Amino acid sequence: MTNSRFTVALVCAVALIVSAVLSAASAQSPAKRRVTPVETPATVTQTINEARNDTARIMQARIARSTHFHDEQGRTVYVDTVTGEQWMDSTALLPVVKMKYPLLDAASVSVDIWDPLMRAFGQDYGLIGFGAEVSLHNRYKPVFELGFGQASHRPSGNNYTYKTPLSMFMRIGMNYNFLYNSSPDYQFYGGLRYGFSSFKYSVDDITVGAPYWDETASFGIPSQSASVGWLEVVFGLRVKLWGPLSAGWAFKYHSILHESKNTYGNPWYIPGYGSRSASVTGSFSLTYTFSLSKLNKGVADEVIKSDEQPSAATPQQSGAAVE
């Protein structure tokens, strides 16, 4: 009985000591200060202002409340479920159209027989033109054209003859094939050209009459030098005839960009351009095409070889290596 009383007294003493120690520790630690946040107009609108310029967050919120579908061009069109408005994400990239044909697809040479045909029907100016073209992906087609022109023109009812001796002209530009992922046998294209010619011209047999004296006098304008540069807009169609041979028609609109000053006025005929008064003309060409696929195959083989991982040697290769 005495021992149990002693045990109870000891437990109570220990509890009192522990309680005293905890009370002393809490009295020594400083009291924590409570801060109540103060809301001002600036803190209230801060979040709104930050979100207003956050395009990514705005777009995500708009997409979250929208449904979507794909249009005929494969673009994603969103429909706002709240307002019913349709919209497209301007930051989304459209899929890149893959090129069906290689970079170096083909090369072509052509002859323009439009002027020879027109001269057969009575035209008294023009001669012939030649062209060279490289096909890139069957889409972009750099073009270089070279030709010759000549004129001997006496207008009906007029008393002079305009002459231009054999002169050379050139054009340089590019075509864009709108059917680039279709068969190269059929092409519909548009293009631009810059043309230039430096040539000479003269006006001969100018006849002036004097009715009172019943006499006539003849004179001429001596040979003049001229240079002209012009711009052409071209739309054309080319179709395959047989094998590498094709025929093409083109519609051309051209306008003079610059020309030299001449003492006796501007030339009437410009080689490669035609009559300066005609802003619209055409061409009819026969074209022979060479394939450049072998050049692309060599490049592709090098790429494939560089990408291949070394494979395990066969027993015969191993034996050859040992020998």
C-alpha atoms as a PDB file:
ATOM      1  CA  MET A   1       0.000   0.000   0.000  1.00  0.00           C
ATOM      2  CA  THR A   2       2.862   2.288   0.892  1.00  0.00           C
ATOM      3  CA  ASN A   3       4.613   1.458  -2.436  1.00  0.00           C
ATOM      4  CA  SER A   4       1.581   2.330  -4.577  1.00  0.00           C
ATOM      5  CA  ARG A   5       1.178   5.674  -2.842  1.00  0.00           C
ATOM      6  CA  PHE A   6       4.813   6.391  -3.488  1.00  0.00           C
ATOM      7  CA  THR A   7       4.422   5.566  -7.208  1.00  0.00           C
ATOM      8  CA  VAL A   8       1.406   7.857  -7.603  1.00  0.00           C
ATOM      9  CA  ALA A   9       3.253  10.681  -5.865  1.00  0.00           C
ATOM     10  CA  LEU A  10       6.269  10.216  -8.127  1.00  0.00           C
ATOM     11  CA  VAL A  11       4.156  10.335 -11.335  1.00  0.00           C
ATOM     12  CA  CYS A  12       2.447  13.523 -10.163  1.00  0.00           C
ATOM     13  CA  ALA A  13       5.797  15.126  -9.410  1.00  0.00           C
ATOM     14  CA  VAL A  14       7.138  14.311 -12.882  1.00  0.00           C
ATOM     15  CA  ALA A  15       4.001  15.713 -14.531  1.00  0.00           C
ATOM     16  CA  LEU A  16       4.348  18.953 -12.567  1.00  0.00           C
ATOM     17  CA  ILE A  17       8.009  19.315 -13.599  1.00  0.00           C
ATOM     18  CA  VAL A  18       7.218  18.768 -17.303  1.00  0.00           C
ATOM     19  CA  SER A  19       4.339  21.268 -17.194  1.00  0.00           C
ATOM     20  CA  ALA A  20       6.591  23.875 -15.569  1.00  0.00           C
ATOM     21  CA  VAL A  21       9.299  23.429 -18.205  1.00  0.00           C
ATOM     22  CA  LEU A  22       6.802  23.845 -21.086  1.00  0.00           C
ATOM     23  CA  SER A  23       5.311  26.951 -19.483  1.00  0.00           C
ATOM     24  CA  ALA A  24       8.762  28.532 -19.170  1.00  0.00           C
ATOM     25  CA  ALA A  25       9.633  27.763 -22.822  1.00  0.00           C
ATOM     26  CA  SER A  26       6.408  29.317 -24.105  1.00  0.00           C
ATOM     27  CA  ALA A  27       6.956  32.425 -22.002  1.00  0.00           C
ATOM     28  CA  GLN A  28      10.450  32.983 -23.496  1.00  0.00           C
ATOM     29  CA  SER A  29       9.358  32.733 -27.252  1.00  0.00           C
ATOM     30  CA  PRO A  30       8.109  36.053 -28.800  1.00  0.00           C
ATOM     31  CA  ALA A  31       4.476  36.333 -29.716  1.00  0.00           C
ATOM     32  CA  LYS A  32       3.676  35.977 -33.492  1.00  0.00           C
ATOM     33  CA  ARG A  33       2.117  38.935 -35.244  1.00  0.00           C
ATOM     34  CA  ARG A  34      -0.974  38.457 -37.368  1.00  0.00           C
ATOM     35  CA  VAL A  35      -1.165  40.567 -40.551  1.00  0.00           C
ATOM     36  CA  THR A  36      -4.471  41.141 -42.228  1.00  0.00           C
ATOM     37  CA  PRO A  37      -4.026  41.747 -46.026  1.00  0.00           C
ATOM     38  CA  VAL A  38      -5.302  45.092 -47.216  1.00  0.00           C
ATOM     39  CA  GLU A  39      -7.107  45.170 -50.563  1.00  0.00           C
ATOM     40  CA  THR A  40      -6.651  48.271 -52.708  1.00  0.00           C
ATOM     41  CA  PRO A  41      -7.865  49.044 -56.253  1.00  0.00           C
ATOM     42  CA  ALA A  42      -4.367  48.172 -57.526  1.00  0.00           C
ATOM     43  CA  THR A  43      -4.321  44.718 -55.926  1.00  0.00           C
ATOM     44  CA  VAL A  44      -7.854  43.979 -57.073  1.00  0.00           C
ATOM     45  CA  THR A  45      -7.101  44.748 -60.746  1.00  0.00           C
ATOM     46  CA  GLN A  46      -3.559  43.364 -60.793  1.00  0.00           C
ATOM     47  CA  THR A  47      -4.623  39.839 -61.710  1.00  0.00           C
ATOM     48  CA  ILE A  48      -7.025  41.121 -64.364  1.00  0.00           C
ATOM     49  CA  ASN A  49      -4.348  43.314 -65.954  1.00  0.00           C
ATOM     50  CA  GLU A  50      -1.796  40.500 -65.964  1.00  0.00           C
ATOM     51  CA  ALA A  51      -4.226  38.050 -67.561  1.00  0.00           C
ATOM     52  CA  ARG A  52      -5.382  40.609 -70.141  1.00  0.00           C
ATOM     53  CA  ASN A  53      -1.973  40.529 -71.896  1.00  0.00           C
ATOM     54  CA  ASP A  54      -1.397  36.799 -71.459  1.00  0.00           C
ATOM     55  CA  THR A  55      -2.378  35.541 -74.926  1.00  0.00           C
ATOM     56  CA  ALA A  56      -1.694  31.912 -74.084  1.00  0.00           C
ATOM     57  CA  ARG A  57      -4.009  31.938 -71.044  1.00  0.00           C
ATOM     58  CA  ILE A  58      -6.743  33.766 -72.952  1.00  0.00           C
ATOM     59  CA  MET A  59      -6.519  31.306 -75.839  1.00  0.00           C
ATOM     60  CA  GLN A  60      -6.587  28.301 -73.507  1.00  0.00           C
ATOM     61  CA  ALA A  61      -9.665  29.648 -71.744  1.00  0.00           C
ATOM     62  CA  ARG A  62     -11.387  30.286 -75.057  1.00  0.00           C
ATOM     63  CA  ILE A  63     -10.558  26.817 -76.381  1.00  0.00           C
ATOM     64  CA  ALA A  64     -11.787  25.228 -73.137  1.00  0.00           C
ATOM     65  CA  ARG A  65     -15.289  26.613 -73.654  1.00  0.00           C
ATOM     66  CA  SER A  66     -15.414  25.824 -77.391  1.00  0.00           C
ATOM     67  CA  THR A  67     -16.087  22.854 -79.609  1.00  0.00           C
ATOM     68  CA  HIS A  68     -14.307  22.448 -82.940  1.00  0.00           C
ATOM     69  CA  PHE A  69     -14.496  20.936 -86.427  1.00  0.00           C
ATOM     70  CA  HIS A  70     -12.238  20.827 -89.515  1.00  0.00           C
ATOM     71  CA  ASP A  71     -13.041  22.766 -92.677  1.00  0.00           C
ATOM     72  CA  GLU A  72     -12.361  21.737 -96.300  1.00  0.00           C
ATOM     73  CA  GLN A  73      -8.762  22.963 -96.099  1.00  0.00           C
ATOM     74  CA  GLY A  74      -8.026  20.924 -92.991  1.00  0.00           C
ATOM     75  CA  ARG A  75      -7.996  23.934 -90.655  1.00  0.00           C
ATOM     76  CA  THR A  76      -9.431  23.658 -87.136  1.00  0.00           C
ATOM     77  CA  VAL A  77     -12.472  25.889 -86.643  1.00  0.00           C
ATOM     78  CA  TYR A  78     -13.633  26.513 -83.054  1.00  0.00           C
ATOM     79  CA  VAL A  79     -17.213  27.340 -82.055  1.00  0.00           C
ATOM     80  CA  ASP A  80     -17.712  29.264 -78.816  1.00  0.00           C
ATOM     81  CA  THR A  81     -20.411  27.401 -76.861  1.00  0.00           C
ATOM     82  CA  VAL A  82     -21.419  30.599 -75.043  1.00  0.00           C
ATOM     83  CA  THR A  83     -21.698  33.092 -77.915  1.00  0.00           C
ATOM     84  CA  GLY A  84     -21.885  30.690 -80.885  1.00  0.00           C
ATOM     85  CA  GLU A  85     -19.051  32.590 -82.607  1.00  0.00           C
ATOM     86  CA  GLN A  86     -16.757  30.678 -84.981  1.00  0.00           C
ATOM     87  CA  TRP A  87     -13.040  31.453 -84.892  1.00  0.00           C
ATOM     88  CA  MET A  88      -9.651  29.985 -85.793  1.00  0.00           C
ATOM     89  CA  ASP A  89      -6.479  29.912 -83.744  1.00  0.00           C
ATOM     90  CA  SER A  90      -4.171  32.308 -85.592  1.00  0.00           C
ATOM     91  CA  THR A  91      -1.152  30.835 -83.812  1.00  0.00           C
ATOM     92  CA  ALA A  92      -1.775  27.359 -85.242  1.00  0.00           C
ATOM     93  CA  LEU A  93       0.440  26.522 -88.211  1.00  0.00           C
ATOM     94  CA  LEU A  94      -1.145  25.209 -91.381  1.00  0.00           C
ATOM     95  CA  PRO A  95       0.223  21.852 -92.547  1.00  0.00           C
ATOM     96  CA  VAL A  96       3.115  22.196 -94.998  1.00  0.00           C
ATOM     97  CA  VAL A  97       2.266  20.732 -98.392  1.00  0.00           C
ATOM     98  CA  LYS A  98       4.773  18.021 -99.250  1.00  0.00           C
ATOM     99  CA  MET A  99       6.506  18.165-102.609  1.00  0.00           C
ATOM    100  CA  LYS A 100       5.701  15.125-104.731  1.00  0.00           C
ATOM    101  CA  TYR A 101       8.614  15.709-107.119  1.00  0.00           C
ATOM    102  CA  PRO A 102      12.319  16.151-106.260  1.00  0.00           C
ATOM    103  CA  LEU A 103      14.183  19.449-106.182  1.00  0.00           C
ATOM    104  CA  LEU A 104      15.940  18.903-109.517  1.00  0.00           C
ATOM    105  CA  ASP A 105      12.993  17.518-111.422  1.00  0.00           C
ATOM    106  CA  ALA A 106      13.721  18.271-115.099  1.00  0.00           C
ATOM    107  CA  ALA A 107      15.257  20.683-117.602  1.00  0.00           C
ATOM    108  CA  SER A 108      13.644  21.878-120.818  1.00  0.00           C
ATOM    109  CA  VAL A 109      14.625  23.651-124.022  1.00  0.00           C
ATOM    110  CA  SER A 110      12.043  25.240-126.287  1.00  0.00           C
ATOM    111  CA  VAL A 111      11.580  27.143-129.520  1.00  0.00           C
ATOM    112  CA  ASP A 112       8.909  29.829-129.899  1.00  0.00           C
ATOM    113  CA  ILE A 113       7.389  29.656-133.378  1.00  0.00           C
ATOM    114  CA  TRP A 114       4.730  32.315-132.810  1.00  0.00           C
ATOM    115  CA  ASP A 115       6.484  35.004-134.885  1.00  0.00           C
ATOM    116  CA  PRO A 116       7.301  32.675-137.819  1.00  0.00           C
ATOM    117  CA  LEU A 117       3.628  31.645-137.931  1.00  0.00           C
ATOM    118  CA  MET A 118       2.485  35.265-137.777  1.00  0.00           C
ATOM    119  CA  ARG A 119       4.893  36.248-140.537  1.00  0.00           C
ATOM    120  CA  ALA A 120       3.435  33.476-142.661  1.00  0.00           C
ATOM    121  CA  PHE A 121       0.078  35.251-142.270  1.00  0.00           C
ATOM    122  CA  GLY A 122       1.430  38.668-143.299  1.00  0.00           C
ATOM    123  CA  GLN A 123       3.081  40.107-140.190  1.00  0.00           C
ATOM    124  CA  ASP A 124       6.175  42.083-141.220  1.00  0.00           C
ATOM    125  CA  TYR A 125       8.152  42.039-137.968  1.00  0.00           C
ATOM    126  CA  GLY A 126       9.528  39.471-135.512  1.00  0.00           C
ATOM    127  CA  LEU A 127      11.648  36.380-136.119  1.00  0.00           C
ATOM    128  CA  ILE A 128      12.216  33.564-133.576  1.00  0.00           C
ATOM    129  CA  GLY A 129      12.936  32.864-129.905  1.00  0.00           C
ATOM    130  CA  PHE A 130      14.529  30.096-127.821  1.00  0.00           C
ATOM    131  CA  GLY A 131      14.161  29.242-124.154  1.00  0.00           C
ATOM    132  CA  ALA A 132      15.720  27.138-121.377  1.00  0.00           C
ATOM    133  CA  GLU A 133      13.988  26.155-118.140  1.00  0.00           C
ATOM    134  CA  VAL A 134      14.821  24.210-114.969  1.00  0.00           C
ATOM    135  CA  SER A 135      11.997  22.561-113.019  1.00  0.00           C
ATOM    136  CA  LEU A 136      12.339  22.662-109.214  1.00  0.00           C
ATOM    137  CA  HIS A 137       9.853  20.322-107.521  1.00  0.00           C
ATOM    138  CA  ASN A 138       7.742  20.703-110.700  1.00  0.00           C
ATOM    139  CA  ARG A 139       6.665  23.947-109.039  1.00  0.00           C
ATOM    140  CA  TYR A 140       9.232  26.719-109.477  1.00  0.00           C
ATOM    141  CA  LYS A 141      10.723  27.112-112.949  1.00  0.00           C
ATOM    142  CA  PRO A 142      13.508  29.636-113.587  1.00  0.00           C
ATOM    143  CA  VAL A 143      13.471  30.645-117.263  1.00  0.00           C
ATOM    144  CA  PHE A 144      15.989  32.217-119.643  1.00  0.00           C
ATOM    145  CA  GLU A 145      14.940  33.201-123.167  1.00  0.00           C
ATOM    146  CA  LEU A 146      17.026  34.427-126.093  1.00  0.00           C
ATOM    147  CA  GLY A 147      15.880  35.373-129.570  1.00  0.00           C
ATOM    148  CA  PHE A 148      16.190  37.512-132.655  1.00  0.00           C
ATOM    149  CA  GLY A 149      13.916  40.100-134.177  1.00  0.00           C
ATOM    150  CA  GLN A 150      13.767  42.052-137.442  1.00  0.00           C
ATOM    151  CA  ALA A 151      11.290  44.442-139.036  1.00  0.00           C
ATOM    152  CA  SER A 152      10.560  45.986-142.433  1.00  0.00           C
ATOM    153  CA  HIS A 153       7.230  47.699-142.032  1.00  0.00           C
ATOM    154  CA  ARG A 154       5.477  50.046-144.460  1.00  0.00           C
ATOM    155  CA  PRO A 155       2.067  51.047-143.088  1.00  0.00           C
ATOM    156  CA  SER A 156      -0.789  50.989-145.541  1.00  0.00           C
ATOM    157  CA  GLY A 157      -1.530  54.475-146.826  1.00  0.00           C
ATOM    158  CA  ASN A 158       1.660  55.989-145.397  1.00  0.00           C
ATOM    159  CA  ASN A 159       4.755  57.167-147.206  1.00  0.00           C
ATOM    160  CA  TYR A 160       7.617  55.685-145.201  1.00  0.00           C
ATOM    161  CA  THR A 161       9.241  52.352-144.366  1.00  0.00           C
ATOM    162  CA  TYR A 162      10.329  51.492-140.830  1.00  0.00           C
ATOM    163  CA  LYS A 163      13.292  49.093-140.639  1.00  0.00           C
ATOM    164  CA  THR A 164      15.079  47.249-137.856  1.00  0.00           C
ATOM    165  CA  PRO A 165      17.999  44.994-138.864  1.00  0.00           C
ATOM    166  CA  LEU A 166      18.520  41.586-137.274  1.00  0.00           C
ATOM    167  CA  SER A 167      18.791  42.245-133.516  1.00  0.00           C
ATOM    168  CA  MET A 168      18.985  40.131-130.392  1.00  0.00           C
ATOM    169  CA  PHE A 169      16.814  40.219-127.275  1.00  0.00           C
ATOM    170  CA  MET A 170      16.734  38.359-123.956  1.00  0.00           C
ATOM    171  CA  ARG A 171      14.285  37.664-121.157  1.00  0.00           C
ATOM    172  CA  ILE A 172      14.855  36.242-117.692  1.00  0.00           C
ATOM    173  CA  GLY A 173      12.276  35.291-115.083  1.00  0.00           C
ATOM    174  CA  MET A 174      10.381  32.473-113.416  1.00  0.00           C
ATOM    175  CA  ASN A 175       7.200  30.453-113.865  1.00  0.00           C
ATOM    176  CA  TYR A 176       5.026  29.026-111.103  1.00  0.00           C
ATOM    177  CA  ASN A 177       3.216  25.784-111.940  1.00  0.00           C
ATOM    178  CA  PHE A 178      -0.183  25.740-110.217  1.00  0.00           C
ATOM    179  CA  LEU A 179      -0.459  21.965-110.846  1.00  0.00           C
ATOM    180  CA  TYR A 180       2.880  21.176-109.175  1.00  0.00           C
ATOM    181  CA  ASN A 181       1.730  17.978-107.439  1.00  0.00           C
ATOM    182  CA  SER A 182      -0.020  16.686-110.563  1.00  0.00           C
ATOM    183  CA  SER A 183       1.497  15.021-113.616  1.00  0.00           C
ATOM    184  CA  PRO A 184       4.203  17.129-115.333  1.00  0.00           C
ATOM    185  CA  ASP A 185       2.545  16.183-118.639  1.00  0.00           C
ATOM    186  CA  TYR A 186       0.006  18.955-118.010  1.00  0.00           C
ATOM    187  CA  GLN A 187       1.022  22.332-116.643  1.00  0.00           C
ATOM    188  CA  PHE A 188      -0.863  25.541-116.005  1.00  0.00           C
ATOM    189  CA  TYR A 189       1.484  28.302-114.938  1.00  0.00           C
ATOM    190  CA  GLY A 190       1.917  31.997-114.319  1.00  0.00           C
ATOM    191  CA  GLY A 191       5.151  33.904-114.441  1.00  0.00           C
ATOM    192  CA  LEU A 192       7.107  37.127-114.637  1.00  0.00           C
ATOM    193  CA  ARG A 193       9.811  38.169-117.108  1.00  0.00           C
ATOM    194  CA  TYR A 194      12.230  41.029-117.468  1.00  0.00           C
ATOM    195  CA  GLY A 195      13.115  41.641-121.102  1.00  0.00           C
ATOM    196  CA  PHE A 196      15.844  43.745-122.696  1.00  0.00           C
ATOM    197  CA  SER A 197      16.991  44.566-126.211  1.00  0.00           C
ATOM    198  CA  SER A 198      19.615  46.880-127.691  1.00  0.00           C
ATOM    199  CA  PHE A 199      19.083  47.494-131.405  1.00  0.00           C
ATOM    200  CA  LYS A 200      19.128  49.953-134.305  1.00  0.00           C
ATOM    201  CA  TYR A 201      16.319  51.291-136.438  1.00  0.00           C
ATOM    202  CA  SER A 202      15.784  53.689-139.321  1.00  0.00           C
ATOM    203  CA  VAL A 203      12.948  55.288-141.280  1.00  0.00           C
ATOM    204  CA  ASP A 204      13.463  55.276-145.046  1.00  0.00           C
ATOM    205  CA  ASP A 205      11.651  56.482-148.156  1.00  0.00           C
ATOM    206  CA  ILE A 206       9.811  59.333-146.494  1.00  0.00           C
ATOM    207  CA  THR A 207       8.088  61.029-149.434  1.00  0.00           C
ATOM    208  CA  VAL A 208       6.829  64.593-149.288  1.00  0.00           C
ATOM    209  CA  GLY A 209       4.856  66.003-152.233  1.00  0.00           C
ATOM    210  CA  ALA A 210       4.448  69.608-153.436  1.00  0.00           C
ATOM    211  CA  PRO A 211       1.140  69.668-155.360  1.00  0.00           C
ATOM    212  CA  TYR A 212       1.632  73.223-156.630  1.00  0.00           C
ATOM    213  CA  TRP A 213       4.899  72.407-158.329  1.00  0.00           C
ATOM    214  CA  ASP A 214       3.845  68.809-159.039  1.00  0.00           C
ATOM    215  CA  GLU A 215       7.047  67.562-157.458  1.00  0.00           C
ATOM    216  CA  THR A 216       7.951  65.102-154.698  1.00  0.00           C
ATOM    217  CA  ALA A 217      10.947  64.877-152.392  1.00  0.00           C
ATOM    218  CA  SER A 218      12.263  61.848-150.536  1.00  0.00           C
ATOM    219  CA  PHE A 219      14.430  61.686-147.431  1.00  0.00           C
ATOM    220  CA  GLY A 220      15.023  59.393-144.465  1.00  0.00           C
ATOM    221  CA  ILE A 221      15.944  59.300-140.794  1.00  0.00           C
ATOM    222  CA  PRO A 222      19.414  57.801-140.399  1.00  0.00           C
ATOM    223  CA  SER A 223      20.084  54.716-138.310  1.00  0.00           C
ATOM    224  CA  GLN A 224      19.377  55.285-134.627  1.00  0.00           C
ATOM    225  CA  SER A 225      20.506  53.253-131.603  1.00  0.00           C
ATOM    226  CA  ALA A 226      18.038  52.356-128.886  1.00  0.00           C
ATOM    227  CA  SER A 227      17.805  50.163-125.800  1.00  0.00           C
ATOM    228  CA  VAL A 228      14.550  49.158-124.100  1.00  0.00           C
ATOM    229  CA  GLY A 229      13.696  47.183-120.961  1.00  0.00           C
ATOM    230  CA  TRP A 230      10.236  45.843-120.185  1.00  0.00           C
ATOM    231  CA  LEU A 231       8.224  43.690-117.769  1.00  0.00           C
ATOM    232  CA  GLU A 232       6.025  40.763-118.825  1.00  0.00           C
ATOM    233  CA  VAL A 233       3.246  38.956-116.965  1.00  0.00           C
ATOM    234  CA  VAL A 234       2.693  35.485-118.429  1.00  0.00           C
ATOM    235  CA  PHE A 235      -0.056  32.867-118.108  1.00  0.00           C
ATOM    236  CA  GLY A 236       0.308  29.672-120.079  1.00  0.00           C
ATOM    237  CA  LEU A 237      -0.639  26.046-120.628  1.00  0.00           C
ATOM    238  CA  ARG A 238       1.638  23.177-121.636  1.00  0.00           C
ATOM    239  CA  VAL A 239       0.549  19.670-122.674  1.00  0.00           C
ATOM    240  CA  LYS A 240       2.482  16.558-123.591  1.00  0.00           C
ATOM    241  CA  LEU A 241       2.433  15.503-127.247  1.00  0.00           C
ATOM    242  CA  TRP A 242       4.653  12.451-127.333  1.00  0.00           C
ATOM    243  CA  GLY A 243       7.495  11.222-125.107  1.00  0.00           C
ATOM    244  CA  PRO A 244       9.596  14.221-124.023  1.00  0.00           C
ATOM    245  CA  LEU A 245       7.963  16.544-126.575  1.00  0.00           C
ATOM    246  CA  SER A 246       5.249  18.997-125.514  1.00  0.00           C
ATOM    247  CA  ALA A 247       3.497  22.074-126.870  1.00  0.00           C
ATOM    248  CA  GLY A 248       2.574  25.237-125.006  1.00  0.00           C
ATOM    249  CA  TRP A 249       0.504  28.358-125.452  1.00  0.00           C
ATOM    250  CA  ALA A 250       1.068  31.544-123.458  1.00  0.00           C
ATOM    251  CA  PHE A 251      -0.766  34.830-123.025  1.00  0.00           C
ATOM    252  CA  LYS A 252       1.521  37.822-122.312  1.00  0.00           C
ATOM    253  CA  TYR A 253       0.899  41.305-121.020  1.00  0.00           C
ATOM    254  CA  HIS A 254       3.955  43.578-121.156  1.00  0.00           C
ATOM    255  CA  SER A 255       4.827  47.166-120.344  1.00  0.00           C
ATOM    256  CA  ILE A 256       7.960  49.216-121.013  1.00  0.00           C
ATOM    257  CA  LEU A 257       9.971  50.012-117.879  1.00  0.00           C
ATOM    258  CA  HIS A 258      12.766  52.127-119.316  1.00  0.00           C
ATOM    259  CA  GLU A 259      14.244  53.129-122.668  1.00  0.00           C
ATOM    260  CA  SER A 260      16.965  55.342-124.069  1.00  0.00           C
ATOM    261  CA  LYS A 261      16.247  58.833-125.377  1.00  0.00           C
ATOM    262  CA  ASN A 262      16.282  59.217-129.155  1.00  0.00           C
ATOM    263  CA  THR A 263      16.583  62.314-131.304  1.00  0.00           C
ATOM    264  CA  TYR A 264      13.855  61.368-133.781  1.00  0.00           C
ATOM    265  CA  GLY A 265      11.350  59.823-131.401  1.00  0.00           C
ATOM    266  CA  ASN A 266      10.782  56.371-129.959  1.00  0.00           C
ATOM    267  CA  PRO A 267      11.156  53.177-132.012  1.00  0.00           C
ATOM    268  CA  TRP A 268       7.980  51.632-133.372  1.00  0.00           C
ATOM    269  CA  TYR A 269       9.243  48.020-133.165  1.00  0.00           C
ATOM    270  CA  ILE A 270      11.202  46.477-130.268  1.00  0.00           C
ATOM    271  CA  PRO A 271      12.803  43.022-130.771  1.00  0.00           C
ATOM    272  CA  GLY A 272      11.285  40.541-128.314  1.00  0.00           C
ATOM    273  CA  TYR A 273       8.514  42.990-127.432  1.00  0.00           C
ATOM    274  CA  GLY A 274       6.832  43.630-130.762  1.00  0.00           C
ATOM    275  CA  SER A 275       4.976  46.760-131.720  1.00  0.00           C
ATOM    276  CA  ARG A 276       5.235  49.273-128.889  1.00  0.00           C
ATOM    277  CA  SER A 277       1.523  50.093-129.264  1.00  0.00           C
ATOM    278  CA  ALA A 278       0.479  46.480-128.486  1.00  0.00           C
ATOM    279  CA  SER A 279       0.522  45.606-124.778  1.00  0.00           C
ATOM    280  CA  VAL A 280      -0.854  42.082-125.283  1.00  0.00           C
ATOM    281  CA  THR A 281       0.736  39.305-127.302  1.00  0.00           C
ATOM    282  CA  GLY A 282       1.158  35.529-127.245  1.00  0.00           C
ATOM    283  CA  SER A 283       3.550  32.667-127.887  1.00  0.00           C
ATOM    284  CA  PHE A 284       3.389  29.115-129.173  1.00  0.00           C
ATOM    285  CA  SER A 285       6.311  26.894-128.206  1.00  0.00           C
ATOM    286  CA  LEU A 286       7.543  23.379-128.810  1.00  0.00           C
ATOM    287  CA  THR A 287       9.450  22.013-125.801  1.00  0.00           C
ATOM    288  CA  TYR A 288      11.820  19.074-125.269  1.00  0.00           C
ATOM    289  CA  THR A 289      12.251  17.948-121.649  1.00  0.00           C
ATOM    290  CA  PHE A 290      15.184  16.123-120.028  1.00  0.00           C
ATOM    291  CA  SER A 291      14.745  14.240-116.763  1.00  0.00           C
ATOM    292  CA  LEU A 292      17.127  15.112-113.900  1.00  0.00           C
ATOM    293  CA  SER A 293      16.061  12.225-111.652  1.00  0.00           C
ATOM    294  CA  LYS A 294      19.520  10.633-111.750  1.00  0.00           C
ATOM    295  CA  LEU A 295      21.039  13.686-110.089  1.00  0.00           C
ATOM    296  CA  ASN A 296      18.516  13.465-107.261  1.00  0.00           C
ATOM    297  CA  LYS A 297      19.120   9.727-106.862  1.00  0.00           C
ATOM    298  CA  GLY A 298      22.807  10.330-106.197  1.00  0.00           C
ATOM    299  CA  VAL A 299      22.026  12.869-103.500  1.00  0.00           C
ATOM    300  CA  ALA A 300      19.376  10.613-101.929  1.00  0.00           C
ATOM    301  CA  ASP A 301      21.805   7.650-101.835  1.00  0.00           C
ATOM    302  CA  GLU A 302      24.364   9.719 -99.954  1.00  0.00           C
ATOM    303  CA  VAL A 303      21.750  10.738 -97.391  1.00  0.00           C
ATOM    304  CA  ILE A 304      20.575   7.151 -96.947  1.00  0.00           C
ATOM    305  CA  LYS A 305      24.142   5.881 -96.483  1.00  0.00           C
ATOM    306  CA  SER A 306      24.898   8.539 -93.891  1.00  0.00           C
ATOM    307  CA  ASP A 307      21.721   7.658 -91.947  1.00  0.00           C
ATOM    308  CA  GLU A 308      22.219   3.884 -91.972  1.00  0.00           C
ATOM    309  CA  GLN A 309      23.539   2.282 -88.810  1.00  0.00           C
ATOM    310  CA  PRO A 310      26.502  -0.129 -89.192  1.00  0.00           C
ATOM    311  CA  SER A 311      25.158  -3.670 -89.361  1.00  0.00           C
ATOM    312  CA  ALA A 312      26.747  -6.827 -87.975  1.00  0.00           C
ATOM    313  CA  ALA A 313      29.299  -8.361 -90.321  1.00  0.00           C
ATOM    314  CA  THR A 314      28.397 -11.585 -92.055  1.00  0.00           C
ATOM    315  CA  PRO A 315      30.613 -14.663 -91.570  1.00  0.00           C
ATOM    316  CA  GLN A 316      32.066 -14.213 -95.075  1.00  0.00           C
ATOM    317  CA  GLN A 317      32.874 -10.530 -94.376  1.00  0.00           C
ATOM    318  CA  SER A 318      34.430 -11.536 -91.054  1.00  0.00           C
ATOM    319  CA  GLY A 319      36.571 -14.102 -92.769  1.00  0.00           C
ATOM    320  CA  ALA A 320      37.682 -11.607 -95.399  1.00  0.00           C
ATOM    321  CA  ALA A 321      38.593  -9.155 -92.682  1.00  0.00           C
ATOM    322  CA  VAL A 322      40.698 -11.777 -90.862  1.00  0.00           C
ATOM    323  CA  GLU A 323      42.532 -12.696 -94.029  1.00  0.00           C
END
